[in-house]
Amino acid sequence: MDDLTLDAVRAGEAGLADLRIHPETLERQAVIAQQHGNPQLAANLRRAAELTSLPDEEVLAIYEALRPGRSTGAELTALAGSLAARGLPLNAALVAEAAEVYARRGLIR
């Protein structure tokens, strides 16, 4: 951490990758949230930990797909399957649940 300075950034010795949060850090935060009676925050942190394996562009595409009216039920179901196949089960479950809820509430495209 001491090597992460403005001079290092200017010299090209440090970049965005050096600032990224690690999944282990998010998991430790999730454990603390769970211990303090905040299971929703713990679940969010665990999903975030999974997403650290994806490029930023894909995370933003998932966010966009989950906005009401942006995806069909089939598109969300396919996205959930893709996430599950790539080892992101928590996010896959969230997207699958969103597909069901959006269909029920008329929020799909």
N, C-alpha and C. Protein backbone atom coordinates (compact mmCIF):
# COMPACT_ATOMS: atom_id res chain seq x y z
N MET A 1 0.81 -1.19 0.00
CA MET A 1 0.00 0.00 0.00
C MET A 1 0.85 1.26 0.00
N ASP A 2 2.01 1.18 0.62
CA ASP A 2 2.89 2.35 0.66
C ASP A 2 3.40 2.73 -0.73
N ASP A 3 3.43 1.74 -1.64
CA ASP A 3 3.92 2.00 -2.99
C ASP A 3 2.87 2.66 -3.88
N LEU A 4 1.65 2.73 -3.40
CA LEU A 4 0.56 3.32 -4.19
C LEU A 4 0.52 4.83 -3.91
N THR A 5 1.23 5.57 -4.75
CA THR A 5 1.32 7.02 -4.60
C THR A 5 0.94 7.69 -5.90
N LEU A 6 0.69 8.97 -5.84
CA LEU A 6 0.39 9.74 -7.05
C LEU A 6 1.57 9.71 -8.01
N ASP A 7 2.78 9.77 -7.48
CA ASP A 7 3.97 9.69 -8.33
C ASP A 7 4.03 8.34 -9.05
N ALA A 8 3.67 7.27 -8.37
CA ALA A 8 3.67 5.94 -8.99
C ALA A 8 2.63 5.87 -10.11
N VAL A 9 1.48 6.48 -9.90
CA VAL A 9 0.44 6.51 -10.93
C VAL A 9 0.94 7.31 -12.13
N ARG A 10 1.51 8.46 -11.88
CA ARG A 10 2.03 9.30 -12.97
C ARG A 10 3.12 8.59 -13.76
N ALA A 11 3.92 7.80 -13.09
CA ALA A 11 5.02 7.09 -13.74
C ALA A 11 4.54 5.80 -14.41
N GLY A 12 3.27 5.49 -14.28
CA GLY A 12 2.75 4.27 -14.89
C GLY A 12 3.07 3.01 -14.10
N GLU A 13 3.49 3.18 -12.87
CA GLU A 13 3.84 2.04 -12.03
C GLU A 13 2.66 1.52 -11.22
N ALA A 14 1.56 2.25 -11.23
CA ALA A 14 0.35 1.85 -10.51
C ALA A 14 -0.84 2.28 -11.35
N GLY A 15 -1.86 1.48 -11.34
CA GLY A 15 -3.04 1.79 -12.14
C GLY A 15 -4.31 1.31 -11.47
N LEU A 16 -5.37 1.27 -12.26
CA LEU A 16 -6.67 0.88 -11.71
C LEU A 16 -6.66 -0.51 -11.09
N ALA A 17 -5.93 -1.42 -11.69
CA ALA A 17 -5.88 -2.78 -11.15
C ALA A 17 -5.35 -2.80 -9.72
N ASP A 18 -4.49 -1.85 -9.40
CA ASP A 18 -3.94 -1.78 -8.05
C ASP A 18 -4.96 -1.27 -7.04
N LEU A 19 -6.01 -0.64 -7.54
CA LEU A 19 -7.03 -0.07 -6.66
C LEU A 19 -8.26 -0.96 -6.50
N ARG A 20 -8.33 -2.03 -7.27
CA ARG A 20 -9.50 -2.91 -7.23
C ARG A 20 -9.61 -3.61 -5.89
N ILE A 21 -10.85 -3.81 -5.49
CA ILE A 21 -11.09 -4.56 -4.26
C ILE A 21 -10.99 -6.05 -4.59
N HIS A 22 -10.53 -6.80 -3.66
CA HIS A 22 -10.36 -8.24 -3.86
C HIS A 22 -11.56 -8.98 -3.29
N PRO A 23 -11.90 -10.11 -3.89
CA PRO A 23 -13.06 -10.86 -3.41
C PRO A 23 -12.92 -11.29 -1.94
N GLU A 24 -11.71 -11.54 -1.51
CA GLU A 24 -11.50 -11.94 -0.12
C GLU A 24 -11.88 -10.80 0.84
N THR A 25 -11.57 -9.58 0.43
CA THR A 25 -11.93 -8.42 1.25
C THR A 25 -13.45 -8.29 1.36
N LEU A 26 -14.12 -8.47 0.23
CA LEU A 26 -15.59 -8.39 0.24
C LEU A 26 -16.19 -9.51 1.09
N GLU A 27 -15.61 -10.69 1.04
CA GLU A 27 -16.11 -11.80 1.86
C GLU A 27 -15.91 -11.50 3.34
N ARG A 28 -14.78 -10.94 3.71
CA ARG A 28 -14.56 -10.58 5.12
C ARG A 28 -15.60 -9.54 5.56
N GLN A 29 -15.89 -8.59 4.69
CA GLN A 29 -16.91 -7.59 5.01
C GLN A 29 -18.29 -8.25 5.12
N ALA A 30 -18.56 -9.23 4.28
CA ALA A 30 -19.84 -9.95 4.33
C ALA A 30 -20.00 -10.69 5.65
N VAL A 31 -18.94 -11.30 6.11
CA VAL A 31 -18.99 -12.02 7.40
C VAL A 31 -19.31 -11.04 8.53
N ILE A 32 -18.68 -9.89 8.51
CA ILE A 32 -18.94 -8.88 9.55
C ILE A 32 -20.39 -8.39 9.46
N ALA A 33 -20.87 -8.14 8.26
CA ALA A 33 -22.26 -7.70 8.09
C ALA A 33 -23.22 -8.76 8.62
N GLN A 34 -22.94 -10.01 8.31
CA GLN A 34 -23.79 -11.11 8.80
C GLN A 34 -23.77 -11.18 10.33
N GLN A 35 -22.59 -11.06 10.90
CA GLN A 35 -22.45 -11.12 12.35
C GLN A 35 -23.17 -9.98 13.05
N HIS A 36 -23.32 -8.86 12.36
CA HIS A 36 -23.99 -7.70 12.94
C HIS A 36 -25.44 -7.60 12.51
N GLY A 37 -26.01 -8.71 12.07
CA GLY A 37 -27.43 -8.76 11.79
C GLY A 37 -27.88 -8.08 10.51
N ASN A 38 -27.00 -8.03 9.51
CA ASN A 38 -27.37 -7.41 8.25
C ASN A 38 -27.16 -8.40 7.10
N PRO A 39 -28.05 -9.40 7.01
CA PRO A 39 -27.88 -10.43 5.98
C PRO A 39 -28.03 -9.90 4.55
N GLN A 40 -28.83 -8.85 4.37
CA GLN A 40 -28.98 -8.29 3.02
C GLN A 40 -27.66 -7.70 2.53
N LEU A 41 -27.00 -6.94 3.38
CA LEU A 41 -25.70 -6.38 3.02
C LEU A 41 -24.69 -7.49 2.77
N ALA A 42 -24.70 -8.51 3.61
CA ALA A 42 -23.78 -9.64 3.43
C ALA A 42 -24.01 -10.29 2.06
N ALA A 43 -25.26 -10.49 1.68
CA ALA A 43 -25.56 -11.09 0.37
C ALA A 43 -25.08 -10.19 -0.76
N ASN A 44 -25.27 -8.89 -0.64
CA ASN A 44 -24.81 -7.95 -1.67
C ASN A 44 -23.29 -8.00 -1.80
N LEU A 45 -22.60 -8.05 -0.68
CA LEU A 45 -21.14 -8.10 -0.72
C LEU A 45 -20.64 -9.39 -1.34
N ARG A 46 -21.33 -10.49 -1.09
CA ARG A 46 -20.93 -11.77 -1.68
C ARG A 46 -21.17 -11.77 -3.19
N ARG A 47 -22.27 -11.16 -3.62
CA ARG A 47 -22.48 -11.05 -5.07
C ARG A 47 -21.40 -10.15 -5.69
N ALA A 48 -21.05 -9.08 -5.00
CA ALA A 48 -19.99 -8.19 -5.49
C ALA A 48 -18.67 -8.95 -5.60
N ALA A 49 -18.39 -9.81 -4.64
CA ALA A 49 -17.15 -10.60 -4.68
C ALA A 49 -17.11 -11.46 -5.94
N GLU A 50 -18.25 -12.05 -6.29
CA GLU A 50 -18.30 -12.85 -7.52
C GLU A 50 -18.00 -11.98 -8.74
N LEU A 51 -18.55 -10.79 -8.76
CA LEU A 51 -18.42 -9.92 -9.93
C LEU A 51 -16.99 -9.42 -10.15
N THR A 52 -16.13 -9.53 -9.16
CA THR A 52 -14.76 -9.05 -9.34
C THR A 52 -14.02 -9.84 -10.41
N SER A 53 -14.52 -11.01 -10.77
CA SER A 53 -13.86 -11.82 -11.80
C SER A 53 -14.22 -11.36 -13.21
N LEU A 54 -15.17 -10.46 -13.34
CA LEU A 54 -15.63 -10.00 -14.65
C LEU A 54 -15.02 -8.66 -15.01
N PRO A 55 -14.87 -8.40 -16.30
CA PRO A 55 -14.41 -7.06 -16.71
C PRO A 55 -15.48 -6.02 -16.42
N ASP A 56 -15.06 -4.80 -16.21
CA ASP A 56 -15.98 -3.71 -15.88
C ASP A 56 -17.12 -3.59 -16.88
N GLU A 57 -16.80 -3.73 -18.16
CA GLU A 57 -17.81 -3.58 -19.20
C GLU A 57 -18.93 -4.60 -19.03
N GLU A 58 -18.57 -5.81 -18.63
CA GLU A 58 -19.59 -6.85 -18.45
C GLU A 58 -20.45 -6.58 -17.22
N VAL A 59 -19.84 -6.09 -16.17
CA VAL A 59 -20.61 -5.74 -14.97
C VAL A 59 -21.62 -4.65 -15.32
N LEU A 60 -21.19 -3.66 -16.08
CA LEU A 60 -22.11 -2.60 -16.49
C LEU A 60 -23.20 -3.13 -17.41
N ALA A 61 -22.88 -4.09 -18.26
CA ALA A 61 -23.89 -4.69 -19.14
C ALA A 61 -24.93 -5.46 -18.33
N ILE A 62 -24.50 -6.14 -17.29
CA ILE A 62 -25.43 -6.85 -16.41
C ILE A 62 -26.35 -5.85 -15.71
N TYR A 63 -25.75 -4.79 -15.20
CA TYR A 63 -26.54 -3.73 -14.56
C TYR A 63 -27.59 -3.20 -15.53
N GLU A 64 -27.20 -2.92 -16.75
CA GLU A 64 -28.12 -2.40 -17.75
C GLU A 64 -29.22 -3.41 -18.06
N ALA A 65 -28.86 -4.68 -18.17
CA ALA A 65 -29.84 -5.72 -18.46
C ALA A 65 -30.88 -5.85 -17.35
N LEU A 66 -30.48 -5.54 -16.13
CA LEU A 66 -31.39 -5.67 -14.98
C LEU A 66 -32.29 -4.46 -14.78
N ARG A 67 -32.08 -3.42 -15.54
CA ARG A 67 -32.97 -2.26 -15.41
C ARG A 67 -34.33 -2.63 -15.97
N PRO A 68 -35.40 -2.29 -15.28
CA PRO A 68 -36.74 -2.64 -15.76
C PRO A 68 -36.96 -2.17 -17.20
N GLY A 69 -37.54 -3.07 -18.00
CA GLY A 69 -37.88 -2.76 -19.37
C GLY A 69 -36.73 -2.87 -20.35
N ARG A 70 -35.56 -3.28 -19.91
CA ARG A 70 -34.39 -3.34 -20.80
C ARG A 70 -34.17 -4.72 -21.40
N SER A 71 -34.71 -5.76 -20.79
CA SER A 71 -34.45 -7.13 -21.25
C SER A 71 -35.75 -7.91 -21.32
N THR A 72 -35.76 -8.91 -22.17
CA THR A 72 -36.88 -9.85 -22.19
C THR A 72 -36.64 -10.89 -21.11
N GLY A 73 -37.68 -11.64 -20.79
CA GLY A 73 -37.53 -12.73 -19.84
C GLY A 73 -36.50 -13.74 -20.32
N ALA A 74 -36.53 -14.03 -21.62
CA ALA A 74 -35.59 -14.99 -22.19
C ALA A 74 -34.15 -14.48 -22.09
N GLU A 75 -33.95 -13.20 -22.30
CA GLU A 75 -32.61 -12.63 -22.20
C GLU A 75 -32.08 -12.71 -20.77
N LEU A 76 -32.94 -12.43 -19.81
CA LEU A 76 -32.52 -12.52 -18.40
C LEU A 76 -32.24 -13.97 -18.01
N THR A 77 -33.07 -14.88 -18.49
CA THR A 77 -32.86 -16.30 -18.20
C THR A 77 -31.54 -16.77 -18.80
N ALA A 78 -31.25 -16.33 -20.02
CA ALA A 78 -29.99 -16.69 -20.66
C ALA A 78 -28.80 -16.10 -19.90
N LEU A 79 -28.95 -14.87 -19.44
CA LEU A 79 -27.89 -14.23 -18.66
C LEU A 79 -27.65 -15.00 -17.37
N ALA A 80 -28.72 -15.40 -16.71
CA ALA A 80 -28.58 -16.18 -15.48
C ALA A 80 -27.84 -17.49 -15.75
N GLY A 81 -28.19 -18.15 -16.85
CA GLY A 81 -27.51 -19.39 -17.21
C GLY A 81 -26.03 -19.18 -17.49
N SER A 82 -25.72 -18.10 -18.17
CA SER A 82 -24.33 -17.78 -18.47
C SER A 82 -23.53 -17.52 -17.19
N LEU A 83 -24.12 -16.78 -16.29
CA LEU A 83 -23.43 -16.50 -15.01
C LEU A 83 -23.22 -17.78 -14.22
N ALA A 84 -24.23 -18.63 -14.18
CA ALA A 84 -24.11 -19.90 -13.45
C ALA A 84 -23.02 -20.77 -14.06
N ALA A 85 -22.98 -20.83 -15.38
CA ALA A 85 -21.99 -21.66 -16.07
C ALA A 85 -20.57 -21.17 -15.84
N ARG A 86 -20.42 -19.89 -15.53
CA ARG A 86 -19.09 -19.32 -15.31
C ARG A 86 -18.73 -19.23 -13.83
N GLY A 87 -19.52 -19.90 -12.98
CA GLY A 87 -19.17 -19.96 -11.56
C GLY A 87 -19.57 -18.76 -10.74
N LEU A 88 -20.66 -18.09 -11.15
CA LEU A 88 -21.19 -16.96 -10.39
C LEU A 88 -22.61 -17.29 -9.93
N PRO A 89 -22.76 -18.27 -9.06
CA PRO A 89 -24.10 -18.75 -8.70
C PRO A 89 -24.97 -17.74 -7.97
N LEU A 90 -24.39 -16.89 -7.17
CA LEU A 90 -25.18 -15.90 -6.44
C LEU A 90 -25.78 -14.88 -7.38
N ASN A 91 -24.98 -14.42 -8.33
CA ASN A 91 -25.48 -13.47 -9.32
C ASN A 91 -26.46 -14.14 -10.28
N ALA A 92 -26.20 -15.39 -10.62
CA ALA A 92 -27.13 -16.12 -11.48
C ALA A 92 -28.49 -16.23 -10.81
N ALA A 93 -28.50 -16.53 -9.53
CA ALA A 93 -29.77 -16.64 -8.80
C ALA A 93 -30.49 -15.29 -8.75
N LEU A 94 -29.76 -14.22 -8.56
CA LEU A 94 -30.36 -12.88 -8.53
C LEU A 94 -31.01 -12.56 -9.88
N VAL A 95 -30.31 -12.82 -10.97
CA VAL A 95 -30.83 -12.52 -12.30
C VAL A 95 -32.04 -13.40 -12.61
N ALA A 96 -31.98 -14.68 -12.22
CA ALA A 96 -33.12 -15.57 -12.44
C ALA A 96 -34.34 -15.09 -11.65
N GLU A 97 -34.11 -14.67 -10.42
CA GLU A 97 -35.21 -14.13 -9.62
C GLU A 97 -35.76 -12.86 -10.25
N ALA A 98 -34.89 -12.01 -10.74
CA ALA A 98 -35.34 -10.78 -11.40
C ALA A 98 -36.20 -11.10 -12.61
N ALA A 99 -35.82 -12.11 -13.38
CA ALA A 99 -36.61 -12.51 -14.55
C ALA A 99 -38.03 -12.89 -14.15
N GLU A 100 -38.15 -13.64 -13.07
CA GLU A 100 -39.47 -14.06 -12.59
C GLU A 100 -40.29 -12.87 -12.08
N VAL A 101 -39.68 -12.04 -11.27
CA VAL A 101 -40.38 -10.89 -10.69
C VAL A 101 -40.75 -9.89 -11.77
N TYR A 102 -39.83 -9.62 -12.66
CA TYR A 102 -40.12 -8.66 -13.74
C TYR A 102 -41.27 -9.15 -14.61
N ALA A 103 -41.28 -10.45 -14.91
CA ALA A 103 -42.38 -11.00 -15.72
C ALA A 103 -43.71 -10.85 -15.00
N ARG A 104 -43.71 -11.14 -13.72
CA ARG A 104 -44.93 -11.05 -12.92
C ARG A 104 -45.45 -9.62 -12.81
N ARG A 105 -44.52 -8.67 -12.76
CA ARG A 105 -44.91 -7.27 -12.58
C ARG A 105 -44.98 -6.47 -13.89
N GLY A 106 -44.76 -7.15 -15.01
CA GLY A 106 -44.81 -6.47 -16.29
C GLY A 106 -43.65 -5.54 -16.55
N LEU A 107 -42.49 -5.88 -16.04
CA LEU A 107 -41.31 -5.02 -16.17
C LEU A 107 -40.31 -5.52 -17.21
N ILE A 108 -40.68 -6.54 -17.97
CA ILE A 108 -39.77 -7.01 -19.00
C ILE A 108 -40.08 -6.31 -20.31
N ARG A 109 -39.11 -6.34 -21.20
CA ARG A 109 -39.28 -5.67 -22.51
C ARG A 109 -40.16 -6.52 -23.38
